C-alpha atoms as a PDB file:
ATOM      1  CA  MET A   1      -1.936  54.879  48.602  1.00  0.00           C
ATOM      2  CA  ILE A   2      -1.911  51.087  49.068  1.00  0.00           C
ATOM      3  CA  MET A   3       1.809  50.443  49.306  1.00  0.00           C
ATOM      4  CA  THR A   4       1.545  46.665  48.936  1.00  0.00           C
ATOM      5  CA  PHE A   5       0.229  47.041  45.394  1.00  0.00           C
ATOM      6  CA  LYS A   6       2.922  49.608  44.628  1.00  0.00           C
ATOM      7  CA  VAL A   7       5.664  47.353  45.980  1.00  0.00           C
ATOM      8  CA  LEU A   8       4.478  44.378  43.918  1.00  0.00           C
ATOM      9  CA  SER A   9       4.352  46.604  40.848  1.00  0.00           C
ATOM     10  CA  ALA A  10       7.952  47.685  41.437  1.00  0.00           C
ATOM     11  CA  LEU A  11       9.122  44.089  41.840  1.00  0.00           C
ATOM     12  CA  LEU A  12       7.668  43.218  38.423  1.00  0.00           C
ATOM     13  CA  THR A  13       9.384  46.063  36.594  1.00  0.00           C
ATOM     14  CA  TYR A  14      12.692  45.872  34.714  1.00  0.00           C
ATOM     15  CA  PRO A  15      15.257  45.927  37.537  1.00  0.00           C
ATOM     16  CA  GLY A  16      17.452  48.973  37.983  1.00  0.00           C
ATOM     17  CA  GLN A  17      19.674  50.532  40.618  1.00  0.00           C
ATOM     18  CA  GLU A  18      16.751  52.343  42.255  1.00  0.00           C
ATOM     19  CA  LEU A  19      14.953  49.059  42.884  1.00  0.00           C
ATOM     20  CA  GLN A  20      18.136  47.481  44.230  1.00  0.00           C
ATOM     21  CA  GLU A  21      18.565  50.306  46.712  1.00  0.00           C
ATOM     22  CA  ALA A  22      14.939  50.067  47.860  1.00  0.00           C
ATOM     23  CA  CYS A  23      14.974  46.323  48.599  1.00  0.00           C
ATOM     24  CA  ALA A  24      15.825  46.764  52.277  1.00  0.00           C
ATOM     25  CA  GLU A  25      12.720  48.915  52.783  1.00  0.00           C
ATOM     26  CA  ILE A  26      10.225  46.567  51.163  1.00  0.00           C
ATOM     27  CA  VAL A  27       9.653  43.929  53.853  1.00  0.00           C
ATOM     28  CA  PRO A  28       9.057  46.543  56.589  1.00  0.00           C
ATOM     29  CA  VAL A  29       6.494  48.238  54.338  1.00  0.00           C
ATOM     30  CA  LEU A  30       4.673  44.962  53.700  1.00  0.00           C
ATOM     31  CA  ARG A  31       4.696  44.056  57.386  1.00  0.00           C
ATOM     32  CA  THR A  32       3.390  47.466  58.381  1.00  0.00           C
ATOM     33  CA  GLU A  33       0.472  47.381  55.942  1.00  0.00           C
ATOM     34  CA  LYS A  34      -0.400  43.788  56.949  1.00  0.00           C
ATOM     35  CA  LEU A  35      -2.230  42.864  53.750  1.00  0.00           C
ATOM     36  CA  LEU A  36      -0.024  39.815  53.266  1.00  0.00           C
ATOM     37  CA  SER A  37       0.561  37.004  55.721  1.00  0.00           C
ATOM     38  CA  PRO A  38       4.062  36.506  57.180  1.00  0.00           C
ATOM     39  CA  ALA A  39       4.306  33.239  55.230  1.00  0.00           C
ATOM     40  CA  THR A  40       3.609  34.998  51.944  1.00  0.00           C
ATOM     41  CA  ILE A  41       6.048  37.819  52.704  1.00  0.00           C
ATOM     42  CA  SER A  42       8.687  35.167  53.356  1.00  0.00           C
ATOM     43  CA  GLN A  43       8.121  33.892  49.801  1.00  0.00           C
ATOM     44  CA  ILE A  44       9.057  37.325  48.470  1.00  0.00           C
ATOM     45  CA  GLU A  45      12.255  37.627  50.521  1.00  0.00           C
ATOM     46  CA  PRO A  46      14.426  35.358  48.282  1.00  0.00           C
ATOM     47  CA  LEU A  47      13.677  37.629  45.318  1.00  0.00           C
ATOM     48  CA  LEU A  48      14.557  40.697  47.378  1.00  0.00           C
ATOM     49  CA  ALA A  49      17.857  39.105  48.384  1.00  0.00           C
ATOM     50  CA  GLU A  50      18.703  38.395  44.751  1.00  0.00           C
ATOM     51  CA  LEU A  51      17.729  41.884  43.617  1.00  0.00           C
ATOM     52  CA  ALA A  52      19.787  43.496  46.375  1.00  0.00           C
ATOM     53  CA  THR A  53      22.979  41.497  45.926  1.00  0.00           C
ATOM     54  CA  SER A  54      23.204  40.266  42.319  1.00  0.00           C
ATOM     55  CA  ASP A  55      24.892  42.010  39.424  1.00  0.00           C
ATOM     56  CA  ILE A  56      22.381  44.382  37.840  1.00  0.00           C
ATOM     57  CA  TYR A  57      23.141  43.153  34.317  1.00  0.00           C
ATOM     58  CA  ASP A  58      22.513  39.549  35.344  1.00  0.00           C
ATOM     59  CA  LEU A  59      19.226  40.605  36.917  1.00  0.00           C
ATOM     60  CA  GLN A  60      18.171  42.454  33.788  1.00  0.00           C
ATOM     61  CA  GLU A  61      19.112  39.556  31.515  1.00  0.00           C
ATOM     62  CA  ARG A  62      17.106  37.154  33.680  1.00  0.00           C
ATOM     63  CA  PHE A  63      14.098  39.483  33.652  1.00  0.00           C
ATOM     64  CA  VAL A  64      14.136  39.765  29.859  1.00  0.00           C
ATOM     65  CA  THR A  65      14.521  36.003  29.449  1.00  0.00           C
ATOM     66  CA  LEU A  66      11.577  35.311  31.724  1.00  0.00           C
ATOM     67  CA  PHE A  67       9.054  37.969  30.844  1.00  0.00           C
ATOM     68  CA  ASP A  68      10.016  39.330  27.427  1.00  0.00           C
ATOM     69  CA  ARG A  69      11.293  36.235  25.650  1.00  0.00           C
ATOM     70  CA  SER A  70       8.825  33.748  27.118  1.00  0.00           C
ATOM     71  CA  ARG A  71       5.337  34.430  25.855  1.00  0.00           C
ATOM     72  CA  THR A  72       3.655  32.145  28.391  1.00  0.00           C
ATOM     73  CA  LEU A  73       5.138  34.365  31.134  1.00  0.00           C
ATOM     74  CA  SER A  74       4.099  37.660  29.572  1.00  0.00           C
ATOM     75  CA  LEU A  75       3.212  40.399  32.047  1.00  0.00           C
ATOM     76  CA  ASN A  76       0.664  41.753  29.564  1.00  0.00           C
ATOM     77  CA  LEU A  77      -2.510  40.181  30.938  1.00  0.00           C
ATOM     78  CA  PHE A  78      -4.625  40.219  27.783  1.00  0.00           C
ATOM     79  CA  GLU A  79      -1.816  38.365  26.030  1.00  0.00           C
ATOM     80  CA  HIS A  80      -3.034  35.269  27.852  1.00  0.00           C
ATOM     81  CA  VAL A  81      -6.609  35.806  26.626  1.00  0.00           C
ATOM     82  CA  HIS A  82      -6.230  37.169  23.101  1.00  0.00           C
ATOM     83  CA  GLY A  83      -2.566  36.727  22.205  1.00  0.00           C
ATOM     84  CA  GLU A  84      -1.523  39.423  19.741  1.00  0.00           C
ATOM     85  CA  SER A  85      -4.767  39.281  17.785  1.00  0.00           C
ATOM     86  CA  ARG A  86      -6.783  42.369  16.926  1.00  0.00           C
ATOM     87  CA  ASP A  87      -9.359  41.329  19.519  1.00  0.00           C
ATOM     88  CA  ARG A  88      -6.946  42.512  22.176  1.00  0.00           C
ATOM     89  CA  GLY A  89      -7.059  46.095  20.900  1.00  0.00           C
ATOM     90  CA  GLY A  90     -10.627  46.760  21.956  1.00  0.00           C
ATOM     91  CA  ALA A  91     -10.016  45.256  25.386  1.00  0.00           C
ATOM     92  CA  MET A  92      -7.089  47.603  25.949  1.00  0.00           C
ATOM     93  CA  VAL A  93      -9.045  50.622  24.720  1.00  0.00           C
ATOM     94  CA  ASN A  94     -11.646  49.879  27.390  1.00  0.00           C
ATOM     95  CA  LEU A  95      -8.969  49.397  30.033  1.00  0.00           C
ATOM     96  CA  LEU A  96      -7.320  52.691  29.113  1.00  0.00           C
ATOM     97  CA  GLU A  97     -10.711  54.407  29.373  1.00  0.00           C
ATOM     98  CA  THR A  98     -11.117  52.873  32.834  1.00  0.00           C
ATOM     99  CA  TYR A  99      -7.799  54.381  33.894  1.00  0.00           C
ATOM    100  CA  ARG A 100      -8.838  57.772  32.560  1.00  0.00           C
ATOM    101  CA  ALA A 101     -12.227  57.546  34.263  1.00  0.00           C
ATOM    102  CA  GLY A 102     -10.260  57.218  37.489  1.00  0.00           C
ATOM    103  CA  GLY A 103      -8.330  60.388  36.664  1.00  0.00           C
ATOM    104  CA  PHE A 104      -5.205  58.679  35.349  1.00  0.00           C
ATOM    105  CA  GLU A 105      -3.119  58.782  32.206  1.00  0.00           C
ATOM    106  CA  PRO A 106      -0.485  56.005  32.042  1.00  0.00           C
ATOM    107  CA  ALA A 107       2.949  57.675  32.022  1.00  0.00           C
ATOM    108  CA  THR A 108       4.716  54.714  30.422  1.00  0.00           C
ATOM    109  CA  THR A 109       5.507  53.149  27.074  1.00  0.00           C
ATOM    110  CA  GLU A 110       3.994  49.861  28.284  1.00  0.00           C
ATOM    111  CA  LEU A 111       0.583  48.714  27.087  1.00  0.00           C
ATOM    112  CA  PRO A 112      -2.440  49.309  29.356  1.00  0.00           C
ATOM    113  CA  ASP A 113      -2.727  45.618  30.243  1.00  0.00           C
ATOM    114  CA  HIS A 114       0.858  45.445  31.539  1.00  0.00           C
ATOM    115  CA  LEU A 115       0.555  44.041  35.075  1.00  0.00           C
ATOM    116  CA  PRO A 116       2.850  46.579  36.805  1.00  0.00           C
ATOM    117  CA  VAL A 117       0.820  49.408  35.227  1.00  0.00           C
ATOM    118  CA  LEU A 118      -2.427  47.880  36.478  1.00  0.00           C
ATOM    119  CA  LEU A 119      -0.959  47.474  39.974  1.00  0.00           C
ATOM    120  CA  GLU A 120       0.147  51.129  40.026  1.00  0.00           C
ATOM    121  CA  PHE A 121      -3.427  52.103  39.218  1.00  0.00           C
ATOM    122  CA  LEU A 122      -4.889  49.792  41.859  1.00  0.00           C
ATOM    123  CA  ALA A 123      -2.492  51.207  44.458  1.00  0.00           C
ATOM    124  CA  THR A 124      -4.502  54.441  44.311  1.00  0.00           C
ATOM    125  CA  ARG A 125      -7.947  52.820  44.373  1.00  0.00           C
ATOM    126  CA  PRO A 126     -10.002  51.486  47.312  1.00  0.00           C
ATOM    127  CA  LEU A 127      -8.592  48.212  48.628  1.00  0.00           C
ATOM    128  CA  ASN A 128     -11.647  46.092  47.845  1.00  0.00           C
ATOM    129  CA  GLU A 129     -11.667  47.357  44.267  1.00  0.00           C
ATOM    130  CA  GLY A 130      -8.058  46.285  43.847  1.00  0.00           C
ATOM    131  CA  ARG A 131      -8.689  42.875  45.351  1.00  0.00           C
ATOM    132  CA  GLU A 132     -11.767  42.307  43.195  1.00  0.00           C
ATOM    133  CA  THR A 133      -9.871  43.309  40.069  1.00  0.00           C
ATOM    134  CA  LEU A 134      -7.103  40.836  40.892  1.00  0.00           C
ATOM    135  CA  ALA A 135      -9.753  38.176  41.449  1.00  0.00           C
ATOM    136  CA  ASP A 136     -10.996  38.700  37.893  1.00  0.00           C
ATOM    137  CA  ALA A 137      -7.507  37.826  36.640  1.00  0.00           C
ATOM    138  CA  ALA A 138      -6.726  35.228  39.323  1.00  0.00           C
ATOM    139  CA  HIS A 139      -6.459  32.343  36.846  1.00  0.00           C
ATOM    140  CA  ILE A 140      -3.822  34.250  34.858  1.00  0.00           C
ATOM    141  CA  LEU A 141      -1.880  35.147  37.993  1.00  0.00           C
ATOM    142  CA  GLU A 142      -1.967  31.565  39.251  1.00  0.00           C
ATOM    143  CA  ALA A 143      -0.810  30.222  35.882  1.00  0.00           C
ATOM    144  CA  LEU A 144       2.143  32.606  35.968  1.00  0.00           C
ATOM    145  CA  ARG A 145       2.961  31.597  39.557  1.00  0.00           C
ATOM    146  CA  ASP A 146       2.839  27.910  38.618  1.00  0.00           C
ATOM    147  CA  ARG A 147       5.105  28.345  35.592  1.00  0.00           C
ATOM    148  CA  LEU A 148       7.624  30.435  37.517  1.00  0.00           C
ATOM    149  CA  ALA A 149       7.670  27.925  40.365  1.00  0.00           C
ATOM    150  CA  ARG A 150       8.395  25.119  37.911  1.00  0.00           C
ATOM    151  CA  ARG A 151      11.380  27.143  36.701  1.00  0.00           C
ATOM    152  CA  ASP A 152      12.510  27.634  40.308  1.00  0.00           C
ATOM    153  CA  SER A 153      12.193  31.377  39.813  1.00  0.00           C
ATOM    154  CA  THR A 154      12.036  33.587  42.898  1.00  0.00           C
ATOM    155  CA  TYR A 155       9.528  35.761  41.028  1.00  0.00           C
ATOM    156  CA  ALA A 156       6.924  33.116  41.875  1.00  0.00           C
ATOM    157  CA  GLY A 157       6.704  34.695  45.340  1.00  0.00           C
ATOM    158  CA  VAL A 158       5.300  37.916  43.877  1.00  0.00           C
ATOM    159  CA  PHE A 159       2.491  35.995  42.214  1.00  0.00           C
ATOM    160  CA  ALA A 160       1.813  34.085  45.421  1.00  0.00           C
ATOM    161  CA  ALA A 161       1.272  37.494  47.023  1.00  0.00           C
ATOM    162  CA  LEU A 162      -1.067  38.618  44.240  1.00  0.00           C
ATOM    163  CA  GLY A 163      -3.022  35.399  44.623  1.00  0.00           C
ATOM    164  CA  GLU A 164      -3.426  36.006  48.342  1.00  0.00           C
ATOM    165  CA  LEU A 165      -4.676  39.539  47.700  1.00  0.00           C
ATOM    166  CA  ALA A 166      -7.272  38.420  45.153  1.00  0.00           C
ATOM    167  CA  LEU A 167     -10.766  37.938  46.546  1.00  0.00           C
ATOM    168  CA  GLY A 168     -12.744  34.786  45.837  1.00  0.00           C
ATOM    169  CA  GLU A 169     -11.945  31.475  44.160  1.00  0.00           C
ATOM    170  CA  THR A 170      -9.810  31.010  41.056  1.00  0.00           C
ATOM    171  CA  ASN A 171     -11.660  29.851  37.943  1.00  0.00           C
ATOM    172  CA  LYS A 172     -10.261  26.318  37.781  1.00  0.00           C
ATOM    173  CA  THR A 173     -11.458  25.680  34.233  1.00  0.00           C
ATOM    174  CA  ALA A 174      -9.836  28.845  32.906  1.00  0.00           C
ATOM    175  CA  LEU A 175      -6.648  28.041  34.845  1.00  0.00           C
ATOM    176  CA  ALA A 176      -6.487  24.535  33.370  1.00  0.00           C
ATOM    177  CA  GLU A 177      -6.869  25.968  29.865  1.00  0.00           C
ATOM    178  CA  LEU A 178      -3.971  28.357  30.428  1.00  0.00           C
ATOM    179  CA  LEU A 179      -1.717  25.679  31.887  1.00  0.00           C
ATOM    180  CA  ALA A 180      -2.507  23.396  28.943  1.00  0.00           C
ATOM    181  CA  VAL A 181      -0.726  25.843  26.628  1.00  0.00           C
ATOM    182  CA  ALA A 182       2.748  24.519  25.849  1.00  0.00           C
ATOM    183  CA  GLU A 183       5.522  26.646  27.319  1.00  0.00           C
ATOM    184  CA  ASP A 184       7.898  28.259  24.860  1.00  0.00           C
ATOM    185  CA  ASP A 185      11.671  27.965  25.047  1.00  0.00           C
ATOM    186  CA  PRO A 186      13.259  31.426  25.498  1.00  0.00           C
ATOM    187  CA  ASP A 187      16.511  30.076  24.023  1.00  0.00           C
ATOM    188  CA  ASP A 188      14.853  28.969  20.762  1.00  0.00           C
ATOM    189  CA  LEU A 189      14.974  32.337  19.010  1.00  0.00           C
ATOM    190  CA  ALA A 190      13.715  31.047  15.649  1.00  0.00           C
ATOM    191  CA  ALA A 191      10.639  29.517  17.244  1.00  0.00           C
ATOM    192  CA  LEU A 192       9.997  32.677  19.239  1.00  0.00           C
ATOM    193  CA  ASP A 193      10.198  34.814  16.108  1.00  0.00           C
ATOM    194  CA  ALA A 194       7.614  32.586  14.461  1.00  0.00           C
ATOM    195  CA  VAL A 195       5.281  32.786  17.456  1.00  0.00           C
ATOM    196  CA  TRP A 196       5.438  36.576  17.611  1.00  0.00           C
ATOM    197  CA  GLU A 197       4.732  36.984  13.888  1.00  0.00           C
ATOM    198  CA  GLU A 198       1.013  37.532  14.364  1.00  0.00           C
ATOM    199  CA  SER A 199      -1.407  40.381  13.869  1.00  0.00           C
ATOM    200  CA  GLU A 200      -0.373  43.606  15.501  1.00  0.00           C
ATOM    201  CA  VAL A 201      -2.453  45.040  18.306  1.00  0.00           C
ATOM    202  CA  VAL A 202      -4.831  47.577  16.783  1.00  0.00           C
ATOM    203  CA  PHE A 203      -6.648  50.141  18.904  1.00  0.00           C
ATOM    204  CA  GLY A 204     -10.101  50.869  17.589  1.00  0.00           C
ATOM    205  CA  PRO A 205     -13.793  49.971  18.028  1.00  0.00           C
ATOM    206  CA  ASP A 206     -14.350  47.305  20.647  1.00  0.00           C
ATOM    207  CA  PRO A 207     -14.141  43.877  18.940  1.00  0.00           C
ATOM    208  CA  ASN A 208     -14.033  41.904  22.197  1.00  0.00           C
ATOM    209  CA  GLY A 209     -17.733  41.666  22.878  1.00  0.00           C
ATOM    210  CA  ASP A 210     -17.616  37.893  22.371  1.00  0.00           C
ATOM    211  CA  CYS A 211     -14.935  37.384  25.025  1.00  0.00           C
ATOM    212  CA  PRO A 212     -16.668  36.976  28.401  1.00  0.00           C
ATOM    213  CA  GLN A 213     -13.454  36.911  30.467  1.00  0.00           C
ATOM    214  CA  VAL A 214     -12.229  40.271  29.214  1.00  0.00           C
ATOM    215  CA  ARG A 215     -15.718  41.791  29.141  1.00  0.00           C
ATOM    216  CA  ASP A 216     -16.391  40.817  32.750  1.00  0.00           C
ATOM    217  CA  ILE A 217     -13.039  42.157  33.982  1.00  0.00           C
ATOM    218  CA  LEU A 218     -13.535  45.489  32.270  1.00  0.00           C
ATOM    219  CA  ASN A 219     -17.188  45.850  33.212  1.00  0.00           C
ATOM    220  CA  ARG A 220     -16.394  45.353  36.892  1.00  0.00           C
ATOM    221  CA  MET A 221     -13.589  47.885  36.745  1.00  0.00           C
ATOM    222  CA  ASP A 222     -15.776  50.385  34.893  1.00  0.00           C
ATOM    223  CA  ASP A 223     -18.524  50.039  37.501  1.00  0.00           C
ATOM    224  CA  ARG A 224     -16.083  50.895  40.286  1.00  0.00           C
ATOM    225  CA  ALA A 225     -14.084  53.680  38.620  1.00  0.00           C
ATOM    226  CA  SER A 226     -14.517  57.307  39.710  1.00  0.00           C
ATOM    227  CA  PRO A 227     -12.399  60.379  38.875  1.00  0.00           C
ATOM    228  CA  GLN A 228      -9.514  60.933  41.307  1.00  0.00           C
ATOM    229  CA  ALA A 229      -6.163  62.662  41.054  1.00  0.00           C
ATOM    230  CA  ALA A 230      -3.083  60.541  40.411  1.00  0.00           C
ATOM    231  CA  THR A 231      -0.110  60.678  42.728  1.00  0.00           C
ATOM    232  CA  THR A 232       2.385  58.205  41.290  1.00  0.00           C
ATOM    233  CA  GLY A 233       2.774  56.113  38.165  1.00  0.00           C
ATOM    234  CA  PHE A 234       0.106  58.004  36.231  1.00  0.00           C
ATOM    235  CA  LYS A 235      -0.333  61.639  35.386  1.00  0.00           C
END
């Protein structure tokens, strides 16, 4: 089990009392595993302090405002490639098959491309596989880090950590395209309703063959997957 991936997954989940109680244990775990530099761990510490000491309802409201009501900060990775179009369905079918090829069945109501779900899966895979998978999505992770930093959100530190874990260089062209998308206002509920009124995600035959970003991510994961028993997060 790669605990760094598991910790980062936990930090990106809807905050609850269990996470609050675990905050004191997180930095020692990260320091022991030594996958992140001390400087990067220090970027995560402000978030841990907030999670440990703030009112849980305030934390939950902030989380929903950031990640559920702001589409440009969505934790569903394929959202940033396909939006809610039907093209996304085939990509997620392939991702779910990749999980199952590794011996996992997501035990969650979240979609397969939800970042904390992916990190739970990668926590049980070989380290290089996890780092290569993050590299495939590095432009998405960097765009999220940039947007969170501009909002002075302490969650930016988690994405700094994911960026450090990712192998290779970020696709600068793809990153620029993501950052060129206008950010939505989580307080403008009418505008948000209009944005979300798109085609539902449909699971069926793979329609994403013309999307090289998604195809490459999934192909690399498929090549590396092998059946193994799940221990946490998946059953």
